[in-house]
């Protein structure tokens, strides 16, 4: 018996220029879904985001009861040039300030 399943392959454009990475821990209510936090980070990083990886989730001291810290590693970069240190810091700060604007605390 032959399977008649269509196979698709998606390719992602490789970046010509190096990326810059940093870790970020977002403090939220225990009930906040991790994918909601990640979606907000992705939106705020925009086209500058090369990759995002979940690192860990933690709840306990020194966090208050009912809180958790969710940590990610973000890789950022431009498609057309190598980011300067100032550009990378600007993107990182935009993400941090955006998350704070949404009511999240951050451990940076």
N, C-alpha and C. Protein backbone atom coordinates (compact mmCIF):
# COMPACT_ATOMS: atom_id res chain seq x y z
N UNK A 1 0.85 -1.17 0.00
CA UNK A 1 0.00 0.00 0.00
C UNK A 1 0.90 1.24 0.00
N UNK A 2 0.60 2.16 -0.86
CA UNK A 2 1.38 3.37 -1.03
C UNK A 2 0.74 4.54 -0.29
N UNK A 3 1.56 5.29 0.45
CA UNK A 3 1.04 6.48 1.11
C UNK A 3 1.03 7.63 0.12
N UNK A 4 -0.03 8.33 0.07
CA UNK A 4 -0.14 9.45 -0.85
C UNK A 4 -0.13 10.76 -0.07
N UNK A 5 0.98 11.01 0.60
CA UNK A 5 1.10 12.23 1.41
C UNK A 5 1.99 13.23 0.69
N UNK A 6 1.54 14.43 0.58
CA UNK A 6 2.34 15.48 -0.05
C UNK A 6 3.41 15.93 0.94
N UNK A 7 4.61 16.04 0.44
CA UNK A 7 5.72 16.44 1.29
C UNK A 7 6.15 17.85 0.90
N UNK A 8 6.22 18.73 1.89
CA UNK A 8 6.68 20.08 1.61
C UNK A 8 7.92 20.36 2.44
N UNK A 9 8.77 21.18 1.87
CA UNK A 9 9.99 21.58 2.56
C UNK A 9 10.03 23.10 2.58
N UNK A 10 10.20 23.65 3.76
CA UNK A 10 10.31 25.09 3.90
C UNK A 10 11.76 25.46 4.16
N UNK A 11 12.24 26.42 3.44
CA UNK A 11 13.60 26.88 3.61
C UNK A 11 13.59 28.27 4.21
N UNK A 12 14.54 28.52 5.08
CA UNK A 12 14.68 29.83 5.68
C UNK A 12 15.97 30.44 5.15
N UNK A 13 15.89 31.68 4.72
CA UNK A 13 17.05 32.37 4.18
C UNK A 13 18.16 32.45 5.23
N UNK A 14 19.34 32.02 4.85
CA UNK A 14 20.48 32.10 5.77
C UNK A 14 20.93 33.54 5.88
N UNK A 15 21.36 33.90 7.05
CA UNK A 15 21.84 35.27 7.27
C UNK A 15 23.30 35.36 6.83
N UNK A 16 23.62 36.42 6.11
CA UNK A 16 24.99 36.65 5.66
C UNK A 16 25.82 37.28 6.76
N UNK A 17 25.15 37.95 7.69
CA UNK A 17 25.85 38.72 8.71
C UNK A 17 25.65 38.09 10.08
N UNK A 18 26.63 38.26 10.96
CA UNK A 18 26.53 37.61 12.28
C UNK A 18 25.41 38.19 13.13
N UNK A 19 24.98 37.39 14.08
CA UNK A 19 23.94 37.80 15.01
C UNK A 19 24.56 38.08 16.37
N UNK A 20 23.79 38.71 17.21
CA UNK A 20 24.21 39.01 18.58
C UNK A 20 23.17 38.40 19.50
N UNK A 21 23.61 37.72 20.55
CA UNK A 21 22.67 37.06 21.44
C UNK A 21 22.67 37.59 22.85
N UNK A 22 21.54 37.43 23.51
CA UNK A 22 21.44 37.80 24.92
C UNK A 22 20.32 37.00 25.56
N UNK A 23 20.41 36.85 26.87
CA UNK A 23 19.38 36.15 27.64
C UNK A 23 18.48 37.17 28.31
N UNK A 24 17.23 36.81 28.45
CA UNK A 24 16.24 37.69 29.05
C UNK A 24 15.28 36.85 29.87
N UNK A 25 15.02 37.26 31.11
CA UNK A 25 14.07 36.56 31.98
C UNK A 25 12.88 37.47 32.24
N UNK A 26 11.71 36.97 31.93
CA UNK A 26 10.47 37.72 32.08
C UNK A 26 9.73 37.19 33.30
N UNK A 27 9.36 38.09 34.20
CA UNK A 27 8.62 37.71 35.40
C UNK A 27 7.14 37.98 35.12
N UNK A 28 6.34 36.95 35.37
CA UNK A 28 4.91 37.07 35.11
C UNK A 28 4.13 36.27 36.14
N UNK A 29 2.83 36.36 36.05
CA UNK A 29 1.97 35.53 36.90
C UNK A 29 2.14 34.08 36.50
N UNK A 30 2.04 33.18 37.48
CA UNK A 30 2.17 31.75 37.21
C UNK A 30 1.23 31.28 36.10
N UNK A 31 0.06 31.87 36.02
CA UNK A 31 -0.96 31.43 35.07
C UNK A 31 -0.75 31.98 33.66
N UNK A 32 0.20 32.87 33.46
CA UNK A 32 0.45 33.42 32.13
C UNK A 32 1.09 32.34 31.26
N UNK A 33 0.49 32.01 30.12
CA UNK A 33 1.06 30.98 29.26
C UNK A 33 2.44 31.39 28.72
N UNK A 34 3.35 30.45 28.72
CA UNK A 34 4.71 30.70 28.23
C UNK A 34 4.68 31.12 26.77
N UNK A 35 3.79 30.53 25.97
CA UNK A 35 3.75 30.90 24.56
C UNK A 35 3.25 32.33 24.35
N UNK A 36 2.45 32.85 25.27
CA UNK A 36 2.02 34.25 25.19
C UNK A 36 3.23 35.17 25.41
N UNK A 37 4.07 34.84 26.37
CA UNK A 37 5.26 35.63 26.64
C UNK A 37 6.18 35.60 25.43
N UNK A 38 6.39 34.40 24.88
CA UNK A 38 7.27 34.27 23.72
C UNK A 38 6.71 35.03 22.52
N UNK A 39 5.41 34.96 22.30
CA UNK A 39 4.79 35.69 21.18
C UNK A 39 5.04 37.19 21.30
N UNK A 40 4.94 37.73 22.51
CA UNK A 40 5.19 39.16 22.71
C UNK A 40 6.65 39.51 22.42
N UNK A 41 7.58 38.66 22.86
CA UNK A 41 8.99 38.90 22.58
C UNK A 41 9.25 38.90 21.07
N UNK A 42 8.65 37.95 20.37
CA UNK A 42 8.82 37.86 18.91
C UNK A 42 8.28 39.11 18.23
N UNK A 43 7.10 39.58 18.65
CA UNK A 43 6.50 40.78 18.06
C UNK A 43 7.40 42.00 18.28
N UNK A 44 7.89 42.14 19.50
CA UNK A 44 8.71 43.32 19.82
C UNK A 44 10.05 43.30 19.09
N UNK A 45 10.63 42.12 18.89
CA UNK A 45 11.91 42.03 18.19
C UNK A 45 11.72 42.27 16.70
N UNK A 46 10.59 41.86 16.16
CA UNK A 46 10.30 42.08 14.75
C UNK A 46 11.28 41.37 13.83
N UNK A 47 11.57 41.99 12.71
CA UNK A 47 12.44 41.40 11.68
C UNK A 47 13.87 41.22 12.16
N UNK A 48 14.24 41.87 13.25
CA UNK A 48 15.60 41.76 13.78
C UNK A 48 15.85 40.44 14.50
N UNK A 49 14.79 39.68 14.79
CA UNK A 49 14.93 38.42 15.50
C UNK A 49 15.38 37.31 14.56
N UNK A 50 16.53 36.73 14.88
CA UNK A 50 17.04 35.60 14.08
C UNK A 50 16.58 34.28 14.70
N UNK A 51 16.51 34.22 16.04
CA UNK A 51 16.11 32.99 16.72
C UNK A 51 15.72 33.31 18.16
N UNK A 52 14.83 32.49 18.70
CA UNK A 52 14.47 32.60 20.11
C UNK A 52 14.38 31.18 20.66
N UNK A 53 15.00 30.97 21.81
CA UNK A 53 15.01 29.66 22.44
C UNK A 53 14.56 29.77 23.89
N UNK A 54 13.62 28.93 24.27
CA UNK A 54 13.19 28.82 25.67
C UNK A 54 14.33 28.18 26.45
N UNK A 55 14.70 28.78 27.58
CA UNK A 55 15.76 28.23 28.41
C UNK A 55 15.21 27.49 29.63
N UNK A 56 14.39 28.19 30.41
CA UNK A 56 13.89 27.57 31.63
C UNK A 56 12.76 28.42 32.23
N UNK A 57 12.03 27.76 33.12
CA UNK A 57 11.00 28.44 33.91
C UNK A 57 11.30 28.17 35.37
N UNK A 58 11.12 29.19 36.20
CA UNK A 58 11.43 29.06 37.62
C UNK A 58 10.36 29.77 38.43
N UNK A 59 9.96 29.16 39.54
CA UNK A 59 9.14 29.86 40.52
C UNK A 59 9.64 29.47 41.90
N UNK A 60 9.76 30.44 42.74
CA UNK A 60 10.31 30.24 44.08
C UNK A 60 11.07 31.50 44.48
N UNK A 61 11.65 31.49 45.67
CA UNK A 61 12.38 32.67 46.12
C UNK A 61 13.50 33.02 45.15
N UNK A 62 13.74 34.28 44.90
CA UNK A 62 13.21 35.48 45.54
C UNK A 62 11.92 36.01 44.92
N UNK A 63 11.30 35.26 44.01
CA UNK A 63 10.04 35.70 43.42
C UNK A 63 8.92 35.62 44.45
N UNK A 64 7.93 36.47 44.26
CA UNK A 64 6.77 36.45 45.15
C UNK A 64 5.90 35.24 44.84
N UNK A 65 5.12 34.78 45.81
CA UNK A 65 4.18 33.68 45.55
C UNK A 65 3.25 34.06 44.39
N UNK A 66 3.02 33.12 43.49
CA UNK A 66 2.15 33.39 42.34
C UNK A 66 2.88 33.93 41.14
N UNK A 67 4.20 34.07 41.23
CA UNK A 67 5.00 34.57 40.11
C UNK A 67 5.94 33.49 39.59
N UNK A 68 6.33 33.65 38.33
CA UNK A 68 7.34 32.78 37.74
C UNK A 68 8.26 33.63 36.89
N UNK A 69 9.43 33.10 36.64
CA UNK A 69 10.40 33.74 35.76
C UNK A 69 10.61 32.79 34.59
N UNK A 70 10.43 33.30 33.38
CA UNK A 70 10.60 32.50 32.17
C UNK A 70 11.78 33.10 31.40
N UNK A 71 12.81 32.28 31.14
CA UNK A 71 14.03 32.76 30.51
C UNK A 71 14.15 32.28 29.07
N UNK A 72 14.63 33.19 28.23
CA UNK A 72 14.83 32.93 26.80
C UNK A 72 16.21 33.40 26.39
N UNK A 73 16.71 32.80 25.32
CA UNK A 73 17.91 33.31 24.65
C UNK A 73 17.44 33.84 23.30
N UNK A 74 17.74 35.10 23.03
CA UNK A 74 17.35 35.73 21.77
C UNK A 74 18.60 36.02 20.94
N UNK A 75 18.53 35.75 19.65
CA UNK A 75 19.58 36.09 18.70
C UNK A 75 18.98 37.14 17.77
N UNK A 76 19.65 38.29 17.68
CA UNK A 76 19.17 39.36 16.82
C UNK A 76 20.23 39.70 15.78
N UNK A 77 19.77 40.23 14.67
CA UNK A 77 20.70 40.62 13.61
C UNK A 77 19.94 41.24 12.46
N UNK A 78 20.68 41.94 11.62
CA UNK A 78 20.11 42.55 10.43
C UNK A 78 20.42 41.68 9.21
N UNK A 79 19.57 41.73 8.21
CA UNK A 79 19.79 40.96 6.98
C UNK A 79 20.83 41.61 6.07
N UNK A 80 21.04 42.93 6.23
CA UNK A 80 21.87 43.64 5.27
C UNK A 80 23.18 44.21 5.82
N UNK A 81 23.45 44.00 7.09
CA UNK A 81 24.71 44.49 7.66
C UNK A 81 24.94 43.88 9.04
N UNK A 82 26.15 44.02 9.54
CA UNK A 82 26.44 43.59 10.90
C UNK A 82 25.98 44.68 11.85
N UNK A 83 25.21 44.30 12.86
CA UNK A 83 24.73 45.28 13.83
C UNK A 83 25.90 45.87 14.62
N UNK A 84 25.84 47.17 14.83
CA UNK A 84 26.81 47.79 15.74
C UNK A 84 26.37 47.50 17.17
N UNK A 85 27.25 47.73 18.11
CA UNK A 85 26.90 47.53 19.52
C UNK A 85 25.72 48.42 19.90
N UNK A 86 25.70 49.64 19.38
CA UNK A 86 24.60 50.56 19.69
C UNK A 86 23.27 50.06 19.11
N UNK A 87 23.30 49.52 17.89
CA UNK A 87 22.08 48.99 17.27
C UNK A 87 21.55 47.79 18.05
N UNK A 88 22.45 46.90 18.46
CA UNK A 88 22.04 45.73 19.24
C UNK A 88 21.45 46.17 20.57
N UNK A 89 22.07 47.14 21.22
CA UNK A 89 21.55 47.64 22.50
C UNK A 89 20.19 48.30 22.31
N UNK A 90 20.00 48.99 21.20
CA UNK A 90 18.72 49.64 20.92
C UNK A 90 17.61 48.61 20.75
N UNK A 91 17.89 47.53 20.04
CA UNK A 91 16.89 46.47 19.85
C UNK A 91 16.58 45.81 21.19
N UNK A 92 17.61 45.50 21.95
CA UNK A 92 17.42 44.87 23.26
C UNK A 92 16.58 45.77 24.17
N UNK A 93 16.91 47.06 24.20
CA UNK A 93 16.16 48.01 25.03
C UNK A 93 14.71 48.14 24.56
N UNK A 94 14.50 48.10 23.24
CA UNK A 94 13.13 48.17 22.69
C UNK A 94 12.31 46.98 23.18
N UNK A 95 12.91 45.80 23.20
CA UNK A 95 12.22 44.60 23.66
C UNK A 95 11.91 44.71 25.16
N UNK A 96 12.91 45.12 25.94
CA UNK A 96 12.73 45.25 27.39
C UNK A 96 11.65 46.28 27.73
N UNK A 97 11.74 47.45 27.11
CA UNK A 97 10.75 48.50 27.40
C UNK A 97 9.37 48.10 26.92
N UNK A 98 9.29 47.39 25.80
CA UNK A 98 8.00 46.91 25.30
C UNK A 98 7.36 45.92 26.25
N UNK A 99 8.16 45.01 26.79
CA UNK A 99 7.62 44.03 27.74
C UNK A 99 7.18 44.72 29.02
N UNK A 100 7.96 45.69 29.48
CA UNK A 100 7.55 46.45 30.66
C UNK A 100 6.26 47.21 30.40
N UNK A 101 6.13 47.74 29.19
CA UNK A 101 4.91 48.44 28.80
C UNK A 101 3.69 47.54 28.80
N UNK A 102 3.92 46.25 28.61
CA UNK A 102 2.83 45.27 28.64
C UNK A 102 2.54 44.77 30.05
N UNK A 103 3.30 45.29 31.04
CA UNK A 103 3.06 44.93 32.43
C UNK A 103 3.94 43.84 32.98
N UNK A 104 4.93 43.40 32.22
CA UNK A 104 5.84 42.35 32.70
C UNK A 104 7.04 42.99 33.39
N UNK A 105 7.54 42.32 34.43
CA UNK A 105 8.80 42.70 35.03
C UNK A 105 9.88 41.89 34.35
N UNK A 106 11.10 42.42 34.33
CA UNK A 106 12.20 41.70 33.70
C UNK A 106 13.38 41.59 34.62
N UNK A 107 14.06 40.46 34.51
CA UNK A 107 15.32 40.25 35.22
C UNK A 107 16.37 40.21 34.12
N UNK A 108 17.14 41.27 34.01
CA UNK A 108 18.12 41.36 32.93
C UNK A 108 19.54 41.31 33.45
